[in-house]
Amino acid sequence: MVKKVNFLLILLLSIFLTSCTLKENLTFKDFEEIYNFKSKTILIDINSKKVLKDFIHYDYLPQKTRNMALSTCKEYIKNKKLGNVECKVQFVKITNKIESSVE
């Protein structure tokens, strides 16, 4: 009886510990199921109006995800020392997590 309890305890502990590990190599689809909102900011060349790069950020709050995507874009401009470009927020949307819970 004690062996069964010990085995069960070890099994439950190992399941708990593996479920609490950090996940690596998450994809956009994974983020869609974790967070409530996503925001996309685009980097645009002012002269040609061409989209050079896009930045997507996920978070639980819409304003925070918008600000993080915008700040990531501005940080990219600063690091690459780019000129004649600007960042524009393209959208802030709810993710699949919220859409599926509403249905």
Protein backbone atom coordinates (compact mmCIF):
# COMPACT_ATOMS: atom_id res chain seq x y z
CA MET A 1 0.00 0.00 0.00
CA VAL A 2 2.81 2.40 0.90
CA LYS A 3 4.59 1.62 -2.37
CA LYS A 4 1.46 2.50 -4.35
CA VAL A 5 1.08 5.80 -2.49
CA ASN A 6 4.76 6.64 -3.04
CA PHE A 7 4.48 5.77 -6.72
CA LEU A 8 1.35 7.90 -7.09
CA LEU A 9 2.99 10.79 -5.25
CA ILE A 10 6.08 10.64 -7.44
CA LEU A 11 3.94 10.43 -10.56
CA LEU A 12 1.83 13.44 -9.58
CA LEU A 13 4.90 15.44 -8.61
CA SER A 14 6.63 14.72 -11.91
CA ILE A 15 3.51 15.69 -13.89
CA PHE A 16 3.21 18.92 -11.94
CA LEU A 17 6.87 19.81 -12.41
CA THR A 18 6.86 19.16 -16.15
CA SER A 19 3.72 21.23 -16.64
CA CYS A 20 5.35 24.21 -14.88
CA THR A 21 8.46 24.35 -17.04
CA LEU A 22 9.05 27.24 -19.40
CA LYS A 23 7.86 26.61 -22.92
CA GLU A 24 10.33 27.26 -25.72
CA ASN A 25 9.81 27.70 -29.44
CA LEU A 26 6.29 29.07 -29.12
CA THR A 27 4.61 29.98 -32.39
CA PHE A 28 2.09 32.70 -33.15
CA LYS A 29 -0.63 30.06 -32.91
CA ASP A 30 0.47 29.30 -29.33
CA PHE A 31 0.36 32.99 -28.42
CA GLU A 32 -3.16 33.19 -29.89
CA GLU A 33 -4.30 30.65 -27.30
CA ILE A 34 -2.44 32.21 -24.35
CA TYR A 35 -3.06 35.96 -24.64
CA ASN A 36 -6.26 38.00 -25.06
CA PHE A 37 -5.08 40.66 -27.55
CA LYS A 38 -2.62 41.05 -30.38
CA SER A 39 -1.34 44.19 -32.03
CA LYS A 40 0.51 44.71 -35.28
CA THR A 41 2.69 47.73 -35.95
CA ILE A 42 4.26 48.29 -39.34
CA LEU A 43 7.44 50.12 -40.26
CA ILE A 44 6.81 52.24 -43.36
CA ASP A 45 9.20 54.06 -45.65
CA ILE A 46 7.88 57.64 -45.75
CA ASN A 47 8.92 58.27 -49.36
CA SER A 48 7.67 55.10 -51.07
CA LYS A 49 4.95 54.17 -48.52
CA LYS A 50 6.32 50.63 -48.66
CA VAL A 51 6.03 48.37 -45.61
CA LEU A 52 9.55 47.43 -44.54
CA LYS A 53 8.85 45.30 -41.47
CA ASP A 54 6.00 44.36 -39.18
CA PHE A 55 5.99 43.85 -35.43
CA ILE A 56 3.38 41.71 -33.68
CA HIS A 57 2.94 41.70 -29.92
CA TYR A 58 0.58 39.73 -27.67
CA ASP A 59 -0.69 40.63 -24.20
CA TYR A 60 -3.67 40.45 -21.88
CA LEU A 61 -4.55 44.16 -22.18
CA PRO A 62 -5.24 45.96 -25.49
CA GLN A 63 -3.47 49.21 -24.61
CA LYS A 64 -0.38 47.37 -23.36
CA THR A 65 -0.09 45.22 -26.48
CA ARG A 66 -0.47 48.33 -28.67
CA ASN A 67 2.21 50.23 -26.75
CA MET A 68 4.63 47.28 -26.75
CA ALA A 69 4.33 46.74 -30.51
CA LEU A 70 4.83 50.45 -31.13
CA SER A 71 7.82 50.69 -28.79
CA THR A 72 9.40 47.60 -30.40
CA CYS A 73 9.13 49.30 -33.78
CA LYS A 74 10.61 52.55 -32.48
CA GLU A 75 13.44 50.65 -30.78
CA TYR A 76 14.17 48.91 -34.10
CA ILE A 77 14.47 52.31 -35.82
CA LYS A 78 16.78 53.54 -33.08
CA ASN A 79 19.01 50.44 -33.15
CA LYS A 80 19.29 50.33 -36.95
CA LYS A 81 19.64 54.15 -37.16
CA LEU A 82 17.02 54.37 -39.90
CA GLY A 83 15.80 57.61 -41.43
CA ASN A 84 12.68 58.52 -43.41
CA VAL A 85 10.65 55.76 -41.78
CA GLU A 86 7.73 55.77 -39.38
CA CYS A 87 5.81 53.30 -37.24
CA LYS A 88 2.05 52.92 -37.57
CA VAL A 89 -0.24 50.70 -35.54
CA GLN A 90 -2.10 48.61 -38.06
CA PHE A 91 -4.51 46.86 -35.69
CA VAL A 92 -5.32 45.69 -32.18
CA LYS A 93 -7.46 42.55 -32.28
CA ILE A 94 -8.78 39.94 -29.92
CA THR A 95 -7.08 36.57 -30.20
CA ASN A 96 -8.53 33.12 -30.80
CA LYS A 97 -8.67 32.61 -27.03
CA ILE A 98 -11.31 35.33 -26.68
CA GLU A 99 -13.11 34.52 -29.94
CA SER A 100 -13.55 30.87 -28.97
CA SER A 101 -14.75 31.72 -25.47
CA VAL A 102 -17.38 34.13 -26.83
CA GLU A 103 -18.86 31.47 -29.12
